[in-house]
Amino acid sequence: MKKIMKDENPMKNCPRFSFCSAPICPLDPDWKNRTYLPGEPICGLSKSRRTLLGKDLPNKGLFKRELAGLKNWEKRTDKSKLEAVKILNSKGSLVSITPAFGD
C-alpha cells in the first residue's frame, strides 16, 4: 500500500491540484483574496471531498454560498432541523441528520 504524504496546504492535497485551472479554490487558505471572472472554470471536486480536505480551514473547504448555508443550518433549532428534513424526505430527497444530532 502506498503511503500518501500530506502537505500543510490543503490545496496541494487535492487530487486535481496539478492540472486544475480554477482561479478560486475552496481549499486555498487565501481564497477570499482571489478574483473570479465570469466564464472561468470552477472547482469540480465533490463537496464531500473538499470538506474532508479542508476541515481545518475557516471555510471548511466550502464555497461562499455553501458556507452561508451551513451557518444558517447551524443557527436552526433541533426541532426546526427535523422539520426541514421531514419536508425534504416527503419530496423524495434522501436526507438524514448526523447521529450526534437529536440524541
PDB file of N, CA and C in Angstrom:
ATOM      1  N   MET A   1       0.837  -1.179   0.000  1.00  0.00           N
ATOM      2  CA  MET A   1       0.000   0.000   0.000  1.00  0.00           C
ATOM      3  C   MET A   1       0.882   1.242   0.000  1.00  0.00           C
ATOM      4  N   LYS A   2       0.538   2.194  -0.858  1.00  0.00           N
ATOM      5  CA  LYS A   2       1.308   3.417  -0.999  1.00  0.00           C
ATOM      6  C   LYS A   2       0.913   4.420   0.079  1.00  0.00           C
ATOM      7  N   LYS A   3       1.897   4.989   0.755  1.00  0.00           N
ATOM      8  CA  LYS A   3       1.627   5.989   1.790  1.00  0.00           C
ATOM      9  C   LYS A   3       1.544   7.367   1.147  1.00  0.00           C
ATOM     10  N   ILE A   4       0.505   8.111   1.487  1.00  0.00           N
ATOM     11  CA  ILE A   4       0.307   9.437   0.931  1.00  0.00           C
ATOM     12  C   ILE A   4       0.831  10.479   1.913  1.00  0.00           C
ATOM     13  N   MET A   5       1.696  11.342   1.411  1.00  0.00           N
ATOM     14  CA  MET A   5       2.231  12.421   2.241  1.00  0.00           C
ATOM     15  C   MET A   5       1.234  13.577   2.236  1.00  0.00           C
ATOM     16  N   LYS A   6       0.985  14.149   3.379  1.00  0.00           N
ATOM     17  CA  LYS A   6       0.073  15.275   3.490  1.00  0.00           C
ATOM     18  C   LYS A   6       0.868  16.567   3.532  1.00  0.00           C
ATOM     19  N   ASP A   7       0.463  17.517   2.710  1.00  0.00           N
ATOM     20  CA  ASP A   7       1.077  18.840   2.681  1.00  0.00           C
ATOM     21  C   ASP A   7       0.310  19.729   3.649  1.00  0.00           C
ATOM     22  N   GLU A   8       0.972  20.726   4.206  1.00  0.00           N
ATOM     23  CA  GLU A   8       0.291  21.644   5.124  1.00  0.00           C
ATOM     24  C   GLU A   8      -0.754  22.485   4.410  1.00  0.00           C
ATOM     25  N   ASN A   9      -0.560  22.740   3.124  1.00  0.00           N
ATOM     26  CA  ASN A   9      -1.523  23.495   2.342  1.00  0.00           C
ATOM     27  C   ASN A   9      -2.544  22.506   1.778  1.00  0.00           C
ATOM     28  N   PRO A  10      -3.796  22.538   2.256  1.00  0.00           N
ATOM     29  CA  PRO A  10      -4.799  21.572   1.808  1.00  0.00           C
ATOM     30  C   PRO A  10      -5.005  21.577   0.297  1.00  0.00           C
ATOM     31  N   MET A  11      -4.769  22.715  -0.343  1.00  0.00           N
ATOM     32  CA  MET A  11      -4.912  22.821  -1.785  1.00  0.00           C
ATOM     33  C   MET A  11      -4.010  21.815  -2.500  1.00  0.00           C
ATOM     34  N   LYS A  12      -2.819  21.637  -1.980  1.00  0.00           N
ATOM     35  CA  LYS A  12      -1.853  20.733  -2.608  1.00  0.00           C
ATOM     36  C   LYS A  12      -2.212  19.265  -2.386  1.00  0.00           C
ATOM     37  N   ASN A  13      -3.122  18.987  -1.466  1.00  0.00           N
ATOM     38  CA  ASN A  13      -3.566  17.616  -1.235  1.00  0.00           C
ATOM     39  C   ASN A  13      -4.750  17.242  -2.125  1.00  0.00           C
ATOM     40  N   CYS A  14      -5.243  18.197  -2.883  1.00  0.00           N
ATOM     41  CA  CYS A  14      -6.353  17.948  -3.794  1.00  0.00           C
ATOM     42  C   CYS A  14      -5.857  17.047  -4.929  1.00  0.00           C
ATOM     43  N   PRO A  15      -6.630  16.021  -5.279  1.00  0.00           N
ATOM     44  CA  PRO A  15      -6.200  15.130  -6.361  1.00  0.00           C
ATOM     45  C   PRO A  15      -6.145  15.825  -7.730  1.00  0.00           C
ATOM     46  N   ARG A  16      -6.742  16.994  -7.850  1.00  0.00           N
ATOM     47  CA  ARG A  16      -6.753  17.723  -9.116  1.00  0.00           C
ATOM     48  C   ARG A  16      -5.755  18.888  -9.145  1.00  0.00           C
ATOM     49  N   PHE A  17      -5.007  19.047  -8.079  1.00  0.00           N
ATOM     50  CA  PHE A  17      -4.135  20.211  -7.924  1.00  0.00           C
ATOM     51  C   PHE A  17      -3.187  20.422  -9.102  1.00  0.00           C
ATOM     52  N   SER A  18      -2.551  19.374  -9.589  1.00  0.00           N
ATOM     53  CA  SER A  18      -1.518  19.532 -10.621  1.00  0.00           C
ATOM     54  C   SER A  18      -2.066  19.973 -11.975  1.00  0.00           C
ATOM     55  N   PHE A  19      -3.356  19.800 -12.209  1.00  0.00           N
ATOM     56  CA  PHE A  19      -3.898  20.200 -13.509  1.00  0.00           C
ATOM     57  C   PHE A  19      -5.113  21.131 -13.418  1.00  0.00           C
ATOM     58  N   CYS A  20      -5.472  21.559 -12.238  1.00  0.00           N
ATOM     59  CA  CYS A  20      -6.639  22.420 -12.063  1.00  0.00           C
ATOM     60  C   CYS A  20      -6.335  23.845 -12.521  1.00  0.00           C
ATOM     61  N   SER A  21      -7.329  24.457 -13.170  1.00  0.00           N
ATOM     62  CA  SER A  21      -7.146  25.839 -13.609  1.00  0.00           C
ATOM     63  C   SER A  21      -8.199  26.780 -13.021  1.00  0.00           C
ATOM     64  N   ALA A  22      -8.901  26.320 -11.995  1.00  0.00           N
ATOM     65  CA  ALA A  22      -9.910  27.166 -11.355  1.00  0.00           C
ATOM     66  C   ALA A  22      -9.217  28.263 -10.545  1.00  0.00           C
ATOM     67  N   PRO A  23      -9.578  29.524 -10.764  1.00  0.00           N
ATOM     68  CA  PRO A  23      -8.918  30.609 -10.041  1.00  0.00           C
ATOM     69  C   PRO A  23      -9.326  30.697  -8.573  1.00  0.00           C
ATOM     70  N   ILE A  24     -10.490  30.148  -8.225  1.00  0.00           N
ATOM     71  CA  ILE A  24     -10.941  30.148  -6.833  1.00  0.00           C
ATOM     72  C   ILE A  24     -10.971  28.705  -6.358  1.00  0.00           C
ATOM     73  N   CYS A  25     -10.128  28.403  -5.404  1.00  0.00           N
ATOM     74  CA  CYS A  25     -10.096  27.059  -4.831  1.00  0.00           C
ATOM     75  C   CYS A  25     -10.594  27.149  -3.388  1.00  0.00           C
ATOM     76  N   PRO A  26     -11.649  26.405  -3.043  1.00  0.00           N
ATOM     77  CA  PRO A  26     -12.146  26.455  -1.671  1.00  0.00           C
ATOM     78  C   PRO A  26     -11.168  25.856  -0.660  1.00  0.00           C
ATOM     79  N   LEU A  27     -10.104  25.232  -1.150  1.00  0.00           N
ATOM     80  CA  LEU A  27      -9.076  24.688  -0.260  1.00  0.00           C
ATOM     81  C   LEU A  27      -7.896  25.651  -0.099  1.00  0.00           C
ATOM     82  N   ASP A  28      -7.970  26.778  -0.767  1.00  0.00           N
ATOM     83  CA  ASP A  28      -6.924  27.798  -0.689  1.00  0.00           C
ATOM     84  C   ASP A  28      -7.145  28.638   0.565  1.00  0.00           C
ATOM     85  N   PRO A  29      -6.198  28.655   1.495  1.00  0.00           N
ATOM     86  CA  PRO A  29      -6.362  29.464   2.707  1.00  0.00           C
ATOM     87  C   PRO A  29      -6.600  30.948   2.413  1.00  0.00           C
ATOM     88  N   ASP A  30      -6.162  31.425   1.245  1.00  0.00           N
ATOM     89  CA  ASP A  30      -6.326  32.828   0.868  1.00  0.00           C
ATOM     90  C   ASP A  30      -7.418  33.024  -0.184  1.00  0.00           C
ATOM     91  N   TRP A  31      -8.405  32.147  -0.222  1.00  0.00           N
ATOM     92  CA  TRP A  31      -9.434  32.197  -1.266  1.00  0.00           C
ATOM     93  C   TRP A  31     -10.166  33.530  -1.309  1.00  0.00           C
ATOM     94  N   LYS A  32     -10.297  34.210  -0.176  1.00  0.00           N
ATOM     95  CA  LYS A  32     -11.009  35.497  -0.160  1.00  0.00           C
ATOM     96  C   LYS A  32     -10.248  36.578  -0.921  1.00  0.00           C
ATOM     97  N   ASN A  33      -8.956  36.394  -1.118  1.00  0.00           N
ATOM     98  CA  ASN A  33      -8.139  37.383  -1.826  1.00  0.00           C
ATOM     99  C   ASN A  33      -8.078  37.113  -3.327  1.00  0.00           C
ATOM    100  N   ARG A  34      -8.765  36.098  -3.803  1.00  0.00           N
ATOM    101  CA  ARG A  34      -8.733  35.730  -5.222  1.00  0.00           C
ATOM    102  C   ARG A  34      -9.904  36.358  -5.957  1.00  0.00           C
ATOM    103  N   THR A  35      -9.748  36.494  -7.260  1.00  0.00           N
ATOM    104  CA  THR A  35     -10.786  37.091  -8.095  1.00  0.00           C
ATOM    105  C   THR A  35     -11.283  36.074  -9.115  1.00  0.00           C
ATOM    106  N   TYR A  36     -12.591  36.010  -9.239  1.00  0.00           N
ATOM    107  CA  TYR A  36     -13.214  35.132 -10.233  1.00  0.00           C
ATOM    108  C   TYR A  36     -13.884  36.000 -11.287  1.00  0.00           C
ATOM    109  N   LEU A  37     -13.652  35.668 -12.546  1.00  0.00           N
ATOM    110  CA  LEU A  37     -14.298  36.366 -13.646  1.00  0.00           C
ATOM    111  C   LEU A  37     -15.295  35.424 -14.310  1.00  0.00           C
ATOM    112  N   PRO A  38     -16.447  35.919 -14.696  1.00  0.00           N
ATOM    113  CA  PRO A  38     -17.441  35.063 -15.344  1.00  0.00           C
ATOM    114  C   PRO A  38     -16.839  34.295 -16.524  1.00  0.00           C
ATOM    115  N   GLY A  39     -17.175  33.026 -16.586  1.00  0.00           N
ATOM    116  CA  GLY A  39     -16.677  32.179 -17.660  1.00  0.00           C
ATOM    117  C   GLY A  39     -15.439  31.377 -17.305  1.00  0.00           C
ATOM    118  N   GLU A  40     -14.784  31.743 -16.208  1.00  0.00           N
ATOM    119  CA  GLU A  40     -13.598  30.980 -15.799  1.00  0.00           C
ATOM    120  C   GLU A  40     -14.035  29.644 -15.199  1.00  0.00           C
ATOM    121  N   PRO A  41     -13.153  28.650 -15.211  1.00  0.00           N
ATOM    122  CA  PRO A  41     -13.520  27.347 -14.645  1.00  0.00           C
ATOM    123  C   PRO A  41     -13.757  27.439 -13.141  1.00  0.00           C
ATOM    124  N   ILE A  42     -14.580  26.510 -12.645  1.00  0.00           N
ATOM    125  CA  ILE A  42     -14.817  26.425 -11.207  1.00  0.00           C
ATOM    126  C   ILE A  42     -14.390  25.040 -10.726  1.00  0.00           C
ATOM    127  N   CYS A  43     -14.130  24.946  -9.459  1.00  0.00           N
ATOM    128  CA  CYS A  43     -13.692  23.688  -8.851  1.00  0.00           C
ATOM    129  C   CYS A  43     -14.759  22.621  -9.063  1.00  0.00           C
ATOM    130  N   GLY A  44     -14.327  21.463  -9.527  1.00  0.00           N
ATOM    131  CA  GLY A  44     -15.250  20.359  -9.762  1.00  0.00           C
ATOM    132  C   GLY A  44     -15.127  19.246  -8.736  1.00  0.00           C
ATOM    133  N   LEU A  45     -14.294  19.456  -7.725  1.00  0.00           N
ATOM    134  CA  LEU A  45     -14.134  18.444  -6.691  1.00  0.00           C
ATOM    135  C   LEU A  45     -15.404  18.358  -5.859  1.00  0.00           C
ATOM    136  N   SER A  46     -15.813  17.162  -5.499  1.00  0.00           N
ATOM    137  CA  SER A  46     -17.062  16.989  -4.758  1.00  0.00           C
ATOM    138  C   SER A  46     -17.015  17.707  -3.412  1.00  0.00           C
ATOM    139  N   LYS A  47     -18.179  18.135  -2.976  1.00  0.00           N
ATOM    140  CA  LYS A  47     -18.293  18.840  -1.699  1.00  0.00           C
ATOM    141  C   LYS A  47     -17.792  17.962  -0.552  1.00  0.00           C
ATOM    142  N   SER A  48     -18.123  16.683  -0.593  1.00  0.00           N
ATOM    143  CA  SER A  48     -17.689  15.796   0.497  1.00  0.00           C
ATOM    144  C   SER A  48     -16.167  15.686   0.552  1.00  0.00           C
ATOM    145  N   ARG A  49     -15.531  15.656  -0.607  1.00  0.00           N
ATOM    146  CA  ARG A  49     -14.069  15.559  -0.641  1.00  0.00           C
ATOM    147  C   ARG A  49     -13.431  16.878  -0.193  1.00  0.00           C
ATOM    148  N   ARG A  50     -14.019  18.002  -0.635  1.00  0.00           N
ATOM    149  CA  ARG A  50     -13.483  19.316  -0.237  1.00  0.00           C
ATOM    150  C   ARG A  50     -13.591  19.518   1.266  1.00  0.00           C
ATOM    151  N   THR A  51     -14.719  19.107   1.856  1.00  0.00           N
ATOM    152  CA  THR A  51     -14.878  19.311   3.299  1.00  0.00           C
ATOM    153  C   THR A  51     -13.943  18.396   4.086  1.00  0.00           C
ATOM    154  N   LEU A  52     -13.636  17.238   3.529  1.00  0.00           N
ATOM    155  CA  LEU A  52     -12.683  16.341   4.186  1.00  0.00           C
ATOM    156  C   LEU A  52     -11.279  16.952   4.150  1.00  0.00           C
ATOM    157  N   LEU A  53     -10.872  17.446   2.996  1.00  0.00           N
ATOM    158  CA  LEU A  53      -9.537  18.043   2.861  1.00  0.00           C
ATOM    159  C   LEU A  53      -9.427  19.397   3.556  1.00  0.00           C
ATOM    160  N   GLY A  54     -10.533  20.133   3.629  1.00  0.00           N
ATOM    161  CA  GLY A  54     -10.496  21.482   4.187  1.00  0.00           C
ATOM    162  C   GLY A  54     -11.072  21.608   5.580  1.00  0.00           C
ATOM    163  N   LYS A  55     -11.166  20.503   6.298  1.00  0.00           N
ATOM    164  CA  LYS A  55     -11.821  20.524   7.618  1.00  0.00           C
ATOM    165  C   LYS A  55     -11.191  21.498   8.607  1.00  0.00           C
ATOM    166  N   ASP A  56      -9.916  21.813   8.454  1.00  0.00           N
ATOM    167  CA  ASP A  56      -9.243  22.723   9.387  1.00  0.00           C
ATOM    168  C   ASP A  56      -9.218  24.174   8.911  1.00  0.00           C
ATOM    169  N   LEU A  57      -9.784  24.428   7.749  1.00  0.00           N
ATOM    170  CA  LEU A  57      -9.834  25.792   7.224  1.00  0.00           C
ATOM    171  C   LEU A  57     -11.036  26.538   7.793  1.00  0.00           C
ATOM    172  N   PRO A  58     -10.962  27.856   7.873  1.00  0.00           N
ATOM    173  CA  PRO A  58     -12.115  28.623   8.380  1.00  0.00           C
ATOM    174  C   PRO A  58     -13.380  28.403   7.546  1.00  0.00           C
ATOM    175  N   ASN A  59     -13.227  28.204   6.225  1.00  0.00           N
ATOM    176  CA  ASN A  59     -14.384  27.991   5.360  1.00  0.00           C
ATOM    177  C   ASN A  59     -14.731  26.510   5.184  1.00  0.00           C
ATOM    178  N   LYS A  60     -14.004  25.629   5.877  1.00  0.00           N
ATOM    179  CA  LYS A  60     -14.251  24.179   5.872  1.00  0.00           C
ATOM    180  C   LYS A  60     -14.182  23.559   4.468  1.00  0.00           C
ATOM    181  N   GLY A  61     -13.512  24.226   3.530  1.00  0.00           N
ATOM    182  CA  GLY A  61     -13.422  23.714   2.160  1.00  0.00           C
ATOM    183  C   GLY A  61     -14.675  23.983   1.346  1.00  0.00           C
ATOM    184  N   LEU A  62     -15.510  24.886   1.836  1.00  0.00           N
ATOM    185  CA  LEU A  62     -16.767  25.197   1.166  1.00  0.00           C
ATOM    186  C   LEU A  62     -16.668  26.502   0.387  1.00  0.00           C
ATOM    187  N   PHE A  63     -17.489  26.609  -0.654  1.00  0.00           N
ATOM    188  CA  PHE A  63     -17.621  27.881  -1.361  1.00  0.00           C
ATOM    189  C   PHE A  63     -18.422  28.827  -0.487  1.00  0.00           C
ATOM    190  N   LYS A  64     -18.393  30.112  -0.824  1.00  0.00           N
ATOM    191  CA  LYS A  64     -19.052  31.146  -0.021  1.00  0.00           C
ATOM    192  C   LYS A  64     -20.532  30.817   0.220  1.00  0.00           C
ATOM    193  N   ARG A  65     -21.240  30.424  -0.811  1.00  0.00           N
ATOM    194  CA  ARG A  65     -22.671  30.131  -0.674  1.00  0.00           C
ATOM    195  C   ARG A  65     -22.915  28.886   0.189  1.00  0.00           C
ATOM    196  N   GLU A  66     -22.090  27.875   0.006  1.00  0.00           N
ATOM    197  CA  GLU A  66     -22.220  26.661   0.818  1.00  0.00           C
ATOM    198  C   GLU A  66     -21.955  26.961   2.288  1.00  0.00           C
ATOM    199  N   LEU A  67     -20.960  27.785   2.554  1.00  0.00           N
ATOM    200  CA  LEU A  67     -20.625  28.153   3.931  1.00  0.00           C
ATOM    201  C   LEU A  67     -21.764  28.937   4.570  1.00  0.00           C
ATOM    202  N   ALA A  68     -22.384  29.835   3.800  1.00  0.00           N
ATOM    203  CA  ALA A  68     -23.525  30.598   4.319  1.00  0.00           C
ATOM    204  C   ALA A  68     -24.675  29.641   4.665  1.00  0.00           C
ATOM    205  N   GLY A  69     -24.908  28.644   3.821  1.00  0.00           N
ATOM    206  CA  GLY A  69     -25.954  27.656   4.096  1.00  0.00           C
ATOM    207  C   GLY A  69     -25.660  26.863   5.356  1.00  0.00           C
ATOM    208  N   LEU A  70     -24.403  26.475   5.538  1.00  0.00           N
ATOM    209  CA  LEU A  70     -24.014  25.727   6.736  1.00  0.00           C
ATOM    210  C   LEU A  70     -24.224  26.575   7.988  1.00  0.00           C
ATOM    211  N   LYS A  71     -23.838  27.834   7.927  1.00  0.00           N
ATOM    212  CA  LYS A  71     -24.008  28.721   9.090  1.00  0.00           C
ATOM    213  C   LYS A  71     -25.490  28.908   9.419  1.00  0.00           C
ATOM    214  N   ASN A  72     -26.324  29.050   8.383  1.00  0.00           N
ATOM    215  CA  ASN A  72     -27.767  29.164   8.617  1.00  0.00           C
ATOM    216  C   ASN A  72     -28.327  27.883   9.228  1.00  0.00           C
ATOM    217  N   TRP A  73     -27.875  26.733   8.740  1.00  0.00           N
ATOM    218  CA  TRP A  73     -28.320  25.449   9.272  1.00  0.00           C
ATOM    219  C   TRP A  73     -27.937  25.321  10.747  1.00  0.00           C
ATOM    220  N   GLU A  74     -26.712  25.710  11.076  1.00  0.00           N
ATOM    221  CA  GLU A  74     -26.231  25.588  12.453  1.00  0.00           C
ATOM    222  C   GLU A  74     -26.989  26.503  13.414  1.00  0.00           C
ATOM    223  N   LYS A  75     -27.575  27.577  12.911  1.00  0.00           N
ATOM    224  CA  LYS A  75     -28.347  28.504  13.748  1.00  0.00           C
ATOM    225  C   LYS A  75     -29.738  27.965  14.073  1.00  0.00           C
ATOM    226  N   ARG A  76     -30.207  27.015  13.287  1.00  0.00           N
ATOM    227  CA  ARG A  76     -31.559  26.485  13.475  1.00  0.00           C
ATOM    228  C   ARG A  76     -31.637  25.637  14.739  1.00  0.00           C
ATOM    229  N   THR A  77     -32.835  25.552  15.294  1.00  0.00           N
ATOM    230  CA  THR A  77     -33.055  24.694  16.459  1.00  0.00           C
ATOM    231  C   THR A  77     -33.125  23.243  15.989  1.00  0.00           C
ATOM    232  N   ASP A  78     -32.959  22.309  16.910  1.00  0.00           N
ATOM    233  CA  ASP A  78     -33.056  20.892  16.568  1.00  0.00           C
ATOM    234  C   ASP A  78     -34.431  20.574  15.969  1.00  0.00           C
ATOM    235  N   LYS A  79     -35.461  21.154  16.549  1.00  0.00           N
ATOM    236  CA  LYS A  79     -36.820  20.917  16.067  1.00  0.00           C
ATOM    237  C   LYS A  79     -36.968  21.414  14.627  1.00  0.00           C
ATOM    238  N   SER A  80     -36.439  22.588  14.344  1.00  0.00           N
ATOM    239  CA  SER A  80     -36.513  23.163  13.009  1.00  0.00           C
ATOM    240  C   SER A  80     -35.751  22.303  11.988  1.00  0.00           C
ATOM    241  N   LYS A  81     -34.614  21.772  12.405  1.00  0.00           N
ATOM    242  CA  LYS A  81     -33.833  20.901  11.521  1.00  0.00           C
ATOM    243  C   LYS A  81     -34.607  19.630  11.198  1.00  0.00           C
ATOM    244  N   LEU A  82     -35.217  19.024  12.216  1.00  0.00           N
ATOM    245  CA  LEU A  82     -36.004  17.808  11.989  1.00  0.00           C
ATOM    246  C   LEU A  82     -37.172  18.067  11.049  1.00  0.00           C
ATOM    247  N   GLU A  83     -37.840  19.198  11.214  1.00  0.00           N
ATOM    248  CA  GLU A  83     -38.963  19.551  10.336  1.00  0.00           C
ATOM    249  C   GLU A  83     -38.484  19.727   8.894  1.00  0.00           C
ATOM    250  N   ALA A  84     -37.355  20.372   8.717  1.00  0.00           N
ATOM    251  CA  ALA A  84     -36.810  20.585   7.377  1.00  0.00           C
ATOM    252  C   ALA A  84     -36.466  19.257   6.712  1.00  0.00           C
ATOM    253  N   VAL A  85     -35.871  18.348   7.464  1.00  0.00           N
ATOM    254  CA  VAL A  85     -35.517  17.031   6.929  1.00  0.00           C
ATOM    255  C   VAL A  85     -36.770  16.254   6.552  1.00  0.00           C
ATOM    256  N   LYS A  86     -37.801  16.317   7.386  1.00  0.00           N
ATOM    257  CA  LYS A  86     -39.060  15.631   7.075  1.00  0.00           C
ATOM    258  C   LYS A  86     -39.660  16.163   5.782  1.00  0.00           C
ATOM    259  N   ILE A  87     -39.648  17.473   5.604  1.00  0.00           N
ATOM    260  CA  ILE A  87     -40.193  18.080   4.385  1.00  0.00           C
ATOM    261  C   ILE A  87     -39.406  17.620   3.161  1.00  0.00           C
ATOM    262  N   LEU A  88     -38.086  17.657   3.254  1.00  0.00           N
ATOM    263  CA  LEU A  88     -37.258  17.227   2.123  1.00  0.00           C
ATOM    264  C   LEU A  88     -37.483  15.751   1.795  1.00  0.00           C
ATOM    265  N   ASN A  89     -37.574  14.918   2.823  1.00  0.00           N
ATOM    266  CA  ASN A  89     -37.789  13.494   2.596  1.00  0.00           C
ATOM    267  C   ASN A  89     -39.163  13.228   1.994  1.00  0.00           C
ATOM    268  N   SER A  90     -40.163  14.014   2.371  1.00  0.00           N
ATOM    269  CA  SER A  90     -41.503  13.835   1.810  1.00  0.00           C
ATOM    270  C   SER A  90     -41.539  14.208   0.329  1.00  0.00           C
ATOM    271  N   LYS A  91     -40.554  14.987  -0.121  1.00  0.00           N
ATOM    272  CA  LYS A  91     -40.487  15.389  -1.527  1.00  0.00           C
ATOM    273  C   LYS A  91     -39.539  14.508  -2.325  1.00  0.00           C
ATOM    274  N   GLY A  92     -39.101  13.406  -1.722  1.00  0.00           N
ATOM    275  CA  GLY A  92     -38.272  12.448  -2.443  1.00  0.00           C
ATOM    276  C   GLY A  92     -36.779  12.562  -2.217  1.00  0.00           C
ATOM    277  N   SER A  93     -36.339  13.514  -1.411  1.00  0.00           N
ATOM    278  CA  SER A  93     -34.909  13.622  -1.112  1.00  0.00           C
ATOM    279  C   SER A  93     -34.538  12.586  -0.058  1.00  0.00           C
ATOM    280  N   LEU A  94     -33.350  12.071  -0.163  1.00  0.00           N
ATOM    281  CA  LEU A  94     -32.849  11.134   0.864  1.00  0.00           C
ATOM    282  C   LEU A  94     -31.927  11.898   1.771  1.00  0.00           C
ATOM    283  N   VAL A  95     -32.489  12.520   2.770  1.00  0.00           N
ATOM    284  CA  VAL A  95     -31.730  13.364   3.693  1.00  0.00           C
ATOM    285  C   VAL A  95     -31.738  12.716   5.065  1.00  0.00           C
ATOM    286  N   SER A  96     -30.591  12.764   5.708  1.00  0.00           N
ATOM    287  CA  SER A  96     -30.514  12.276   7.080  1.00  0.00           C
ATOM    288  C   SER A  96     -29.727  13.285   7.896  1.00  0.00           C
ATOM    289  N   ILE A  97     -29.810  13.134   9.169  1.00  0.00           N
ATOM    290  CA  ILE A  97     -29.083  14.009  10.086  1.00  0.00           C
ATOM    291  C   ILE A  97     -28.012  13.168  10.751  1.00  0.00           C
ATOM    292  N   THR A  98     -26.862  13.762  10.999  1.00  0.00           N
ATOM    293  CA  THR A  98     -25.765  13.024  11.602  1.00  0.00           C
ATOM    294  C   THR A  98     -26.192  12.393  12.919  1.00  0.00           C
ATOM    295  N   PRO A  99     -25.619  11.249  13.277  1.00  0.00           N
ATOM    296  CA  PRO A  99     -26.017  10.556  14.506  1.00  0.00           C
ATOM    297  C   PRO A  99     -25.937  11.406  15.757  1.00  0.00           C
ATOM    298  N   ALA A 100     -25.011  12.355  15.821  1.00  0.00           N
ATOM    299  CA  ALA A 100     -24.867  13.175  17.023  1.00  0.00           C
ATOM    300  C   ALA A 100     -26.045  14.111  17.190  1.00  0.00           C
ATOM    301  N   PHE A 101     -26.756  14.367  16.102  1.00  0.00           N
ATOM    302  CA  PHE A 101     -27.880  15.289  16.158  1.00  0.00           C
ATOM    303  C   PHE A 101     -29.109  14.574  16.680  1.00  0.00           C
ATOM    304  N   GLY A 102     -29.820  15.222  17.581  1.00  0.00           N
ATOM    305  CA  GLY A 102     -31.099  14.699  18.060  1.00  0.00           C
ATOM    306  C   GLY A 102     -31.000  13.544  19.048  1.00  0.00           C
ATOM    307  N   ASP A 103     -29.821  13.279  19.565  1.00  0.00           N
ATOM    308  CA  ASP A 103     -29.686  12.170  20.541  1.00  0.00           C
ATOM    309  C   ASP A 103     -30.361  12.493  21.841  1.00  0.00           C
TER     310      ASP A 103
END
